[in-house]
Amino acid sequence: MNIAILGCGYVGTAAAQHWQAAGHHVTATTTSPERVPELEAIAQRVEVIQGNNPEDLKRLLQGQDTLVMSVASKGRAPYKTVYLDTAQTLVSVLPQSPELQQIIYTGSGSVYGNWGGGWVNETTPPQPTMENYEILVETEQTLLNAAHDDLRVCILRLGGIYGPGREIARIYRNWAGQTRPGDGNRPSNWIHLDDIVGALAFAQEKRLEGIYNLVDDDHQPTRAVVEAVCETYQLPPVTWDGSEPATVRYSGKLSNQKIKDAGYQLIHPQRTI
């Protein structure tokens, strides 16, 4: 298969490595020309692409069977430019790429908003609590609306991403010894890089369409995860101040039952720190 990856950051790079090793023809993209030599080691073709440039995207899509949209906002890049403008530009050039069979987009579970820690699944309506989350919802809808009989669109709503170089302990150890607002009971939703790559490959192989949550089975309260990090690495404990309310923009236990029912088996159902 010819697979193009629009956005080769932490996730896209790992996916490119996987698919190249599996014998697929991989096209990797970057917005930074200096990254071209690095990506040439993991892909047969590398393109410097701006997601809101229709000519760039038309060139990218020529001869592709699958497109993975794995863009990420970094630095001061506005969410609208990175996500929504890219999706809208992509949809605008699809008529010139009739051979494309599938788009897979790595979205975010944050679109659900604050459900008070209760369970949410793919039928739960998003209730974004900030403008960036609204942009992510619009991005999803733009892509889903482009689906037709010959083009499947699959949205993977990811939890927090961890893995090599992005360990949970590294994320939370800076909290050691601090007093944090709230009670720390917000459920956690994480997914290992191995499972993101595994689910991307599964979605591509099975030609999945529609929305799927992608998180592990472990929904411990955040305070339990932080406590485990502090105990494991012998760090000062975190104190929680329930009298100071935390700003909660996203709170719910994401169900992963739909993608498991489709046949995907998690590599890391219980997370490691």
C-alpha atoms as a PDB file:
ATOM      1  CA  MET A   1       0.000   0.000   0.000  1.00  0.00           C
ATOM      2  CA  ASN A   2       1.004   3.617  -0.555  1.00  0.00           C
ATOM      3  CA  ILE A   3       0.620   5.448   2.744  1.00  0.00           C
ATOM      4  CA  ALA A   4       1.197   9.170   3.267  1.00  0.00           C
ATOM      5  CA  ILE A   5       1.642  10.599   6.757  1.00  0.00           C
ATOM      6  CA  LEU A   6       0.775  14.273   7.055  1.00  0.00           C
ATOM      7  CA  GLY A   7       2.701  15.329  10.142  1.00  0.00           C
ATOM      8  CA  CYS A   8       5.659  13.238  11.305  1.00  0.00           C
ATOM      9  CA  GLY A   9       6.093  14.232  14.910  1.00  0.00           C
ATOM     10  CA  TYR A  10       6.170  11.771  17.811  1.00  0.00           C
ATOM     11  CA  VAL A  11       3.288   9.650  16.478  1.00  0.00           C
ATOM     12  CA  GLY A  12       3.768  10.073  12.739  1.00  0.00           C
ATOM     13  CA  THR A  13       7.448   9.136  12.870  1.00  0.00           C
ATOM     14  CA  ALA A  14       6.713   5.923  14.767  1.00  0.00           C
ATOM     15  CA  ALA A  15       3.935   5.037  12.328  1.00  0.00           C
ATOM     16  CA  ALA A  16       6.263   5.620   9.360  1.00  0.00           C
ATOM     17  CA  GLN A  17       8.866   3.310  10.866  1.00  0.00           C
ATOM     18  CA  HIS A  18       6.249   0.604  11.415  1.00  0.00           C
ATOM     19  CA  TRP A  19       4.765   0.744   7.939  1.00  0.00           C
ATOM     20  CA  GLN A  20       8.115   0.915   6.173  1.00  0.00           C
ATOM     21  CA  ALA A  21       9.267  -2.173   8.097  1.00  0.00           C
ATOM     22  CA  ALA A  22       6.022  -3.907   7.072  1.00  0.00           C
ATOM     23  CA  GLY A  23       6.852  -3.342   3.401  1.00  0.00           C
ATOM     24  CA  HIS A  24       4.506  -0.470   2.561  1.00  0.00           C
ATOM     25  CA  HIS A  25       5.581   2.563   0.532  1.00  0.00           C
ATOM     26  CA  VAL A  26       5.614   5.446   2.996  1.00  0.00           C
ATOM     27  CA  THR A  27       5.600   9.155   2.234  1.00  0.00           C
ATOM     28  CA  ALA A  28       6.540  11.260   5.259  1.00  0.00           C
ATOM     29  CA  THR A  29       5.922  14.990   5.525  1.00  0.00           C
ATOM     30  CA  THR A  30       7.327  17.830   7.566  1.00  0.00           C
ATOM     31  CA  THR A  31       7.007  21.602   7.656  1.00  0.00           C
ATOM     32  CA  SER A  32      10.719  21.890   8.495  1.00  0.00           C
ATOM     33  CA  PRO A  33      13.239  21.367   5.645  1.00  0.00           C
ATOM     34  CA  GLU A  34      15.969  20.571   8.165  1.00  0.00           C
ATOM     35  CA  ARG A  35      14.116  17.378   9.148  1.00  0.00           C
ATOM     36  CA  VAL A  36      14.231  15.911   5.630  1.00  0.00           C
ATOM     37  CA  PRO A  37      17.443  13.851   6.164  1.00  0.00           C
ATOM     38  CA  GLU A  38      16.025  12.363   9.378  1.00  0.00           C
ATOM     39  CA  LEU A  39      12.792  11.339   7.685  1.00  0.00           C
ATOM     40  CA  GLU A  40      14.555   9.929   4.626  1.00  0.00           C
ATOM     41  CA  ALA A  41      15.806   7.154   6.917  1.00  0.00           C
ATOM     42  CA  ILE A  42      12.259   5.974   7.708  1.00  0.00           C
ATOM     43  CA  ALA A  43      10.315   6.673   4.508  1.00  0.00           C
ATOM     44  CA  GLN A  44      10.760   6.102   0.804  1.00  0.00           C
ATOM     45  CA  ARG A  45       9.628   9.649   0.021  1.00  0.00           C
ATOM     46  CA  VAL A  46       9.750  12.880   2.016  1.00  0.00           C
ATOM     47  CA  GLU A  47       7.821  16.056   1.224  1.00  0.00           C
ATOM     48  CA  VAL A  48       8.023  19.501   2.835  1.00  0.00           C
ATOM     49  CA  ILE A  49       4.341  20.364   3.172  1.00  0.00           C
ATOM     50  CA  GLN A  50       2.245  23.218   4.519  1.00  0.00           C
ATOM     51  CA  GLY A  51      -1.154  21.798   5.403  1.00  0.00           C
ATOM     52  CA  ASN A  52      -3.041  24.887   4.256  1.00  0.00           C
ATOM     53  CA  ASN A  53      -1.371  24.899   0.824  1.00  0.00           C
ATOM     54  CA  PRO A  54      -3.596  23.116  -1.737  1.00  0.00           C
ATOM     55  CA  GLU A  55      -0.773  22.620  -4.240  1.00  0.00           C
ATOM     56  CA  ASP A  56       1.335  20.906  -1.579  1.00  0.00           C
ATOM     57  CA  LEU A  57      -1.524  18.566  -0.674  1.00  0.00           C
ATOM     58  CA  LYS A  58      -2.368  17.745  -4.287  1.00  0.00           C
ATOM     59  CA  ARG A  59       1.257  16.774  -4.831  1.00  0.00           C
ATOM     60  CA  LEU A  60       1.272  14.678  -1.656  1.00  0.00           C
ATOM     61  CA  LEU A  61      -1.893  12.736  -2.479  1.00  0.00           C
ATOM     62  CA  GLN A  62      -0.874  11.610  -5.963  1.00  0.00           C
ATOM     63  CA  GLY A  63      -0.876   7.806  -6.018  1.00  0.00           C
ATOM     64  CA  GLN A  64      -1.734   7.397  -2.322  1.00  0.00           C
ATOM     65  CA  ASP A  65      -4.095   4.728  -0.982  1.00  0.00           C
ATOM     66  CA  THR A  66      -4.182   5.959   2.634  1.00  0.00           C
ATOM     67  CA  LEU A  67      -3.556   9.332   4.253  1.00  0.00           C
ATOM     68  CA  VAL A  68      -2.846   9.635   7.969  1.00  0.00           C
ATOM     69  CA  MET A  69      -3.393  13.151   9.288  1.00  0.00           C
ATOM     70  CA  SER A  70      -1.277  13.320  12.433  1.00  0.00           C
ATOM     71  CA  VAL A  71      -0.648  17.034  12.752  1.00  0.00           C
ATOM     72  CA  ALA A  72       0.101  18.723  16.063  1.00  0.00           C
ATOM     73  CA  SER A  73       0.172  22.320  17.205  1.00  0.00           C
ATOM     74  CA  LYS A  74       3.583  23.339  18.469  1.00  0.00           C
ATOM     75  CA  GLY A  75       4.952  26.610  19.700  1.00  0.00           C
ATOM     76  CA  ARG A  76       2.630  29.476  18.878  1.00  0.00           C
ATOM     77  CA  ALA A  77       1.036  27.881  15.825  1.00  0.00           C
ATOM     78  CA  PRO A  78      -2.723  28.566  16.059  1.00  0.00           C
ATOM     79  CA  TYR A  79      -4.976  25.508  16.364  1.00  0.00           C
ATOM     80  CA  LYS A  80      -7.137  26.738  13.512  1.00  0.00           C
ATOM     81  CA  THR A  81      -4.182  26.887  11.122  1.00  0.00           C
ATOM     82  CA  VAL A  82      -2.769  23.507  12.123  1.00  0.00           C
ATOM     83  CA  TYR A  83      -5.995  21.509  12.352  1.00  0.00           C
ATOM     84  CA  LEU A  84      -9.054  23.055  10.741  1.00  0.00           C
ATOM     85  CA  ASP A  85      -7.346  24.873   7.864  1.00  0.00           C
ATOM     86  CA  THR A  86      -5.437  21.697   7.021  1.00  0.00           C
ATOM     87  CA  ALA A  87      -8.619  19.597   7.048  1.00  0.00           C
ATOM     88  CA  GLN A  88     -10.505  22.101   4.904  1.00  0.00           C
ATOM     89  CA  THR A  89      -7.654  22.354   2.410  1.00  0.00           C
ATOM     90  CA  LEU A  90      -7.363  18.581   2.276  1.00  0.00           C
ATOM     91  CA  VAL A  91     -11.066  18.174   1.558  1.00  0.00           C
ATOM     92  CA  SER A  92     -10.881  20.815  -1.171  1.00  0.00           C
ATOM     93  CA  VAL A  93      -8.287  18.826  -3.145  1.00  0.00           C
ATOM     94  CA  LEU A  94      -9.836  15.365  -2.729  1.00  0.00           C
ATOM     95  CA  PRO A  95     -11.618  15.516  -6.108  1.00  0.00           C
ATOM     96  CA  GLN A  96      -8.161  15.543  -7.732  1.00  0.00           C
ATOM     97  CA  SER A  97      -7.163  12.369  -5.837  1.00  0.00           C
ATOM     98  CA  PRO A  98      -9.807   9.755  -6.673  1.00  0.00           C
ATOM     99  CA  GLU A  99      -7.441   6.864  -5.877  1.00  0.00           C
ATOM    100  CA  LEU A 100      -7.336   7.765  -2.162  1.00  0.00           C
ATOM    101  CA  GLN A 101      -9.291   5.121  -0.234  1.00  0.00           C
ATOM    102  CA  GLN A 102      -9.003   6.182   3.398  1.00  0.00           C
ATOM    103  CA  ILE A 103      -8.177   9.101   5.689  1.00  0.00           C
ATOM    104  CA  ILE A 104      -7.202   8.343   9.287  1.00  0.00           C
ATOM    105  CA  TYR A 105      -7.042  11.308  11.663  1.00  0.00           C
ATOM    106  CA  THR A 106      -5.452  11.221  15.111  1.00  0.00           C
ATOM    107  CA  GLY A 107      -7.758  13.473  17.096  1.00  0.00           C
ATOM    108  CA  SER A 108      -8.216  14.009  20.811  1.00  0.00           C
ATOM    109  CA  GLY A 109     -10.549  12.792  23.536  1.00  0.00           C
ATOM    110  CA  SER A 110     -10.540  16.330  24.894  1.00  0.00           C
ATOM    111  CA  VAL A 111     -13.432  17.124  22.534  1.00  0.00           C
ATOM    112  CA  TYR A 112     -15.814  15.448  25.005  1.00  0.00           C
ATOM    113  CA  GLY A 113     -15.275  18.211  27.547  1.00  0.00           C
ATOM    114  CA  ASN A 114     -16.255  17.912  31.197  1.00  0.00           C
ATOM    115  CA  TRP A 115     -18.596  15.017  32.000  1.00  0.00           C
ATOM    116  CA  GLY A 116     -17.835  15.062  35.721  1.00  0.00           C
ATOM    117  CA  GLY A 117     -15.669  11.979  35.568  1.00  0.00           C
ATOM    118  CA  GLY A 118     -18.433   9.762  34.146  1.00  0.00           C
ATOM    119  CA  TRP A 119     -18.135   7.312  31.285  1.00  0.00           C
ATOM    120  CA  VAL A 120     -18.200   8.629  27.727  1.00  0.00           C
ATOM    121  CA  ASN A 121     -18.221   6.742  24.440  1.00  0.00           C
ATOM    122  CA  GLU A 122     -18.368   7.563  20.750  1.00  0.00           C
ATOM    123  CA  THR A 123     -22.106   8.319  20.937  1.00  0.00           C
ATOM    124  CA  THR A 124     -21.579  10.912  23.684  1.00  0.00           C
ATOM    125  CA  PRO A 125     -21.975  14.371  22.132  1.00  0.00           C
ATOM    126  CA  PRO A 126     -18.866  16.530  22.370  1.00  0.00           C
ATOM    127  CA  GLN A 127     -19.224  19.570  24.604  1.00  0.00           C
ATOM    128  CA  PRO A 128     -15.951  21.438  24.063  1.00  0.00           C
ATOM    129  CA  THR A 129     -15.070  23.753  26.917  1.00  0.00           C
ATOM    130  CA  MET A 130     -12.600  26.013  25.120  1.00  0.00           C
ATOM    131  CA  GLU A 131     -12.026  27.407  21.649  1.00  0.00           C
ATOM    132  CA  ASN A 132      -9.220  24.986  20.777  1.00  0.00           C
ATOM    133  CA  TYR A 133     -11.494  22.024  21.536  1.00  0.00           C
ATOM    134  CA  GLU A 134     -14.213  23.571  19.350  1.00  0.00           C
ATOM    135  CA  ILE A 135     -11.681  23.724  16.518  1.00  0.00           C
ATOM    136  CA  LEU A 136     -10.901  20.038  17.007  1.00  0.00           C
ATOM    137  CA  VAL A 137     -14.609  19.173  16.769  1.00  0.00           C
ATOM    138  CA  GLU A 138     -14.901  21.205  13.555  1.00  0.00           C
ATOM    139  CA  THR A 139     -11.836  19.449  12.167  1.00  0.00           C
ATOM    140  CA  GLU A 140     -13.378  16.034  12.813  1.00  0.00           C
ATOM    141  CA  GLN A 141     -16.657  17.023  11.225  1.00  0.00           C
ATOM    142  CA  THR A 142     -14.948  18.494   8.170  1.00  0.00           C
ATOM    143  CA  LEU A 143     -13.177  15.198   7.537  1.00  0.00           C
ATOM    144  CA  LEU A 144     -16.185  12.996   8.307  1.00  0.00           C
ATOM    145  CA  ASN A 145     -18.344  15.004   5.907  1.00  0.00           C
ATOM    146  CA  ALA A 146     -15.887  14.193   3.110  1.00  0.00           C
ATOM    147  CA  ALA A 147     -16.498  10.436   3.348  1.00  0.00           C
ATOM    148  CA  HIS A 148     -18.292   8.673   0.500  1.00  0.00           C
ATOM    149  CA  ASP A 149     -18.645   5.172  -0.931  1.00  0.00           C
ATOM    150  CA  ASP A 150     -15.053   5.135  -2.197  1.00  0.00           C
ATOM    151  CA  LEU A 151     -13.430   7.068   0.654  1.00  0.00           C
ATOM    152  CA  ARG A 152     -13.544   5.998   4.285  1.00  0.00           C
ATOM    153  CA  VAL A 153     -12.731   8.417   7.092  1.00  0.00           C
ATOM    154  CA  CYS A 154     -11.633   7.134  10.500  1.00  0.00           C
ATOM    155  CA  ILE A 155     -11.167   9.352  13.561  1.00  0.00           C
ATOM    156  CA  LEU A 156      -9.085   8.031  16.464  1.00  0.00           C
ATOM    157  CA  ARG A 157      -9.761  10.110  19.572  1.00  0.00           C
ATOM    158  CA  LEU A 158      -6.571   9.675  21.588  1.00  0.00           C
ATOM    159  CA  GLY A 159      -6.023   9.945  25.301  1.00  0.00           C
ATOM    160  CA  GLY A 160      -2.828  11.409  26.702  1.00  0.00           C
ATOM    161  CA  ILE A 161       0.140  10.046  24.779  1.00  0.00           C
ATOM    162  CA  TYR A 162       3.051   8.374  26.534  1.00  0.00           C
ATOM    163  CA  GLY A 163       5.914   6.122  25.512  1.00  0.00           C
ATOM    164  CA  PRO A 164       9.685   6.197  24.996  1.00  0.00           C
ATOM    165  CA  GLY A 165      10.974   9.681  25.683  1.00  0.00           C
ATOM    166  CA  ARG A 166       7.571  10.746  26.920  1.00  0.00           C
ATOM    167  CA  GLU A 167       7.198   8.602  30.020  1.00  0.00           C
ATOM    168  CA  ILE A 168       4.405   9.361  32.492  1.00  0.00           C
ATOM    169  CA  ALA A 169       7.002   9.667  35.248  1.00  0.00           C
ATOM    170  CA  ARG A 170       8.776  12.390  33.281  1.00  0.00           C
ATOM    171  CA  ILE A 171       5.467  14.224  32.807  1.00  0.00           C
ATOM    172  CA  TYR A 172       4.460  14.159  36.479  1.00  0.00           C
ATOM    173  CA  ARG A 173       7.716  14.183  38.418  1.00  0.00           C
ATOM    174  CA  ASN A 174       7.814  18.000  38.260  1.00  0.00           C
ATOM    175  CA  TRP A 175       4.739  17.968  40.466  1.00  0.00           C
ATOM    176  CA  ALA A 176       6.666  16.339  43.323  1.00  0.00           C
ATOM    177  CA  GLY A 177       6.486  18.322  46.551  1.00  0.00           C
ATOM    178  CA  GLN A 178       3.916  20.749  45.162  1.00  0.00           C
ATOM    179  CA  THR A 179       0.427  21.594  46.352  1.00  0.00           C
ATOM    180  CA  ARG A 180      -1.985  21.149  43.477  1.00  0.00           C
ATOM    181  CA  PRO A 181      -5.507  22.627  43.249  1.00  0.00           C
ATOM    182  CA  GLY A 182      -8.507  20.296  43.524  1.00  0.00           C
ATOM    183  CA  ASP A 183      -8.783  16.763  44.835  1.00  0.00           C
ATOM    184  CA  GLY A 184      -6.923  14.923  42.071  1.00  0.00           C
ATOM    185  CA  ASN A 185      -9.885  12.631  41.397  1.00  0.00           C
ATOM    186  CA  ARG A 186     -10.223  13.412  37.696  1.00  0.00           C
ATOM    187  CA  PRO A 187      -9.965  10.076  35.845  1.00  0.00           C
ATOM    188  CA  SER A 188      -6.913   9.556  33.699  1.00  0.00           C
ATOM    189  CA  ASN A 189      -7.016   8.534  30.045  1.00  0.00           C
ATOM    190  CA  TRP A 190      -3.674   7.514  28.544  1.00  0.00           C
ATOM    191  CA  ILE A 191      -2.536   5.559  25.510  1.00  0.00           C
ATOM    192  CA  HIS A 192       0.923   4.162  24.786  1.00  0.00           C
ATOM    193  CA  LEU A 193       2.686   5.043  21.542  1.00  0.00           C
ATOM    194  CA  ASP A 194       2.839   1.335  20.675  1.00  0.00           C
ATOM    195  CA  ASP A 195      -0.958   1.172  20.764  1.00  0.00           C
ATOM    196  CA  ILE A 196      -1.391   4.308  18.683  1.00  0.00           C
ATOM    197  CA  VAL A 197       0.798   2.799  15.979  1.00  0.00           C
ATOM    198  CA  GLY A 198      -0.938  -0.553  16.407  1.00  0.00           C
ATOM    199  CA  ALA A 199      -4.385   1.009  16.119  1.00  0.00           C
ATOM    200  CA  LEU A 200      -3.364   3.043  13.066  1.00  0.00           C
ATOM    201  CA  ALA A 201      -2.168  -0.130  11.359  1.00  0.00           C
ATOM    202  CA  PHE A 202      -5.341  -1.949  12.432  1.00  0.00           C
ATOM    203  CA  ALA A 203      -7.573   0.858  11.158  1.00  0.00           C
ATOM    204  CA  GLN A 204      -5.724   0.881   7.843  1.00  0.00           C
ATOM    205  CA  GLU A 205      -5.807  -2.893   7.435  1.00  0.00           C
ATOM    206  CA  LYS A 206      -9.494  -3.230   8.383  1.00  0.00           C
ATOM    207  CA  ARG A 207     -10.446   0.010   6.588  1.00  0.00           C
ATOM    208  CA  LEU A 208     -12.255   1.310   9.653  1.00  0.00           C
ATOM    209  CA  GLU A 209     -14.554   4.301   9.338  1.00  0.00           C
ATOM    210  CA  GLY A 210     -16.219   6.543  11.875  1.00  0.00           C
ATOM    211  CA  ILE A 211     -15.058   7.553  15.366  1.00  0.00           C
ATOM    212  CA  TYR A 212     -13.119   5.355  17.805  1.00  0.00           C
ATOM    213  CA  ASN A 213     -11.789   6.233  21.241  1.00  0.00           C
ATOM    214  CA  LEU A 214      -8.229   5.062  21.766  1.00  0.00           C
ATOM    215  CA  VAL A 215      -7.220   4.798  25.418  1.00  0.00           C
ATOM    216  CA  ASP A 216      -6.026   1.980  27.656  1.00  0.00           C
ATOM    217  CA  ASP A 217      -8.128   0.142  30.243  1.00  0.00           C
ATOM    218  CA  ASP A 218      -6.606   2.007  33.196  1.00  0.00           C
ATOM    219  CA  HIS A 219      -8.661   4.982  34.409  1.00  0.00           C
ATOM    220  CA  GLN A 220      -7.067   5.594  37.799  1.00  0.00           C
ATOM    221  CA  PRO A 221      -7.637   9.023  39.339  1.00  0.00           C
ATOM    222  CA  THR A 222      -4.835  11.419  38.490  1.00  0.00           C
ATOM    223  CA  ARG A 223      -3.792  11.566  42.146  1.00  0.00           C
ATOM    224  CA  ALA A 224      -3.188   7.789  42.177  1.00  0.00           C
ATOM    225  CA  VAL A 225      -0.970   8.035  39.092  1.00  0.00           C
ATOM    226  CA  VAL A 226       1.004  10.905  40.613  1.00  0.00           C
ATOM    227  CA  GLU A 227       1.355   9.083  43.940  1.00  0.00           C
ATOM    228  CA  ALA A 228       2.706   6.020  42.143  1.00  0.00           C
ATOM    229  CA  VAL A 229       5.299   8.152  40.343  1.00  0.00           C
ATOM    230  CA  CYS A 230       6.427   9.775  43.598  1.00  0.00           C
ATOM    231  CA  GLU A 231       6.635   6.452  45.442  1.00  0.00           C
ATOM    232  CA  THR A 232       8.466   4.665  42.629  1.00  0.00           C
ATOM    233  CA  TYR A 233      11.086   7.377  42.243  1.00  0.00           C
ATOM    234  CA  GLN A 234      11.260   8.318  45.948  1.00  0.00           C
ATOM    235  CA  LEU A 235      10.080  11.861  45.346  1.00  0.00           C
ATOM    236  CA  PRO A 236       8.310  14.189  47.804  1.00  0.00           C
ATOM    237  CA  PRO A 237       4.545  13.555  47.717  1.00  0.00           C
ATOM    238  CA  VAL A 238       2.041  15.883  46.120  1.00  0.00           C
ATOM    239  CA  THR A 239      -0.486  17.641  48.354  1.00  0.00           C
ATOM    240  CA  TRP A 240      -3.987  18.350  47.051  1.00  0.00           C
ATOM    241  CA  ASP A 241      -5.916  21.452  48.089  1.00  0.00           C
ATOM    242  CA  GLY A 242      -9.622  20.766  47.716  1.00  0.00           C
ATOM    243  CA  SER A 243     -10.457  24.297  48.849  1.00  0.00           C
ATOM    244  CA  GLU A 244      -8.890  25.667  45.674  1.00  0.00           C
ATOM    245  CA  PRO A 245     -10.950  24.441  42.734  1.00  0.00           C
ATOM    246  CA  ALA A 246      -9.011  23.170  39.747  1.00  0.00           C
ATOM    247  CA  THR A 247      -9.819  24.325  36.237  1.00  0.00           C
ATOM    248  CA  VAL A 248     -11.326  21.215  34.666  1.00  0.00           C
ATOM    249  CA  ARG A 249     -11.883  21.448  30.936  1.00  0.00           C
ATOM    250  CA  TYR A 250     -11.884  17.732  30.249  1.00  0.00           C
ATOM    251  CA  SER A 251     -13.101  15.052  32.645  1.00  0.00           C
ATOM    252  CA  GLY A 252     -14.533  11.660  31.769  1.00  0.00           C
ATOM    253  CA  LYS A 253     -13.612   7.999  31.468  1.00  0.00           C
ATOM    254  CA  LEU A 254     -13.217   7.270  27.769  1.00  0.00           C
ATOM    255  CA  SER A 255     -14.604   3.872  26.833  1.00  0.00           C
ATOM    256  CA  ASN A 256     -12.428   1.899  24.433  1.00  0.00           C
ATOM    257  CA  GLN A 257     -15.002  -0.853  23.939  1.00  0.00           C
ATOM    258  CA  LYS A 258     -15.828   0.058  20.334  1.00  0.00           C
ATOM    259  CA  ILE A 259     -12.329  -0.432  18.955  1.00  0.00           C
ATOM    260  CA  LYS A 260     -11.920  -3.626  20.994  1.00  0.00           C
ATOM    261  CA  ASP A 261     -15.211  -4.912  19.603  1.00  0.00           C
ATOM    262  CA  ALA A 262     -13.806  -4.217  16.131  1.00  0.00           C
ATOM    263  CA  GLY A 263     -10.987  -6.627  16.957  1.00  0.00           C
ATOM    264  CA  TYR A 264      -8.121  -4.477  18.197  1.00  0.00           C
ATOM    265  CA  GLN A 265      -6.169  -5.931  21.135  1.00  0.00           C
ATOM    266  CA  LEU A 266      -4.283  -3.465  23.301  1.00  0.00           C
ATOM    267  CA  ILE A 267      -0.555  -3.989  23.658  1.00  0.00           C
ATOM    268  CA  HIS A 268      -0.486  -2.030  26.930  1.00  0.00           C
ATOM    269  CA  PRO A 269      -3.953  -2.328  28.523  1.00  0.00           C
ATOM    270  CA  GLN A 270      -2.481  -1.351  31.915  1.00  0.00           C
ATOM    271  CA  ARG A 271      -0.073   1.539  31.837  1.00  0.00           C
ATOM    272  CA  THR A 272       3.436   1.689  33.172  1.00  0.00           C
ATOM    273  CA  ILE A 273       5.105   4.706  34.728  1.00  0.00           C
END
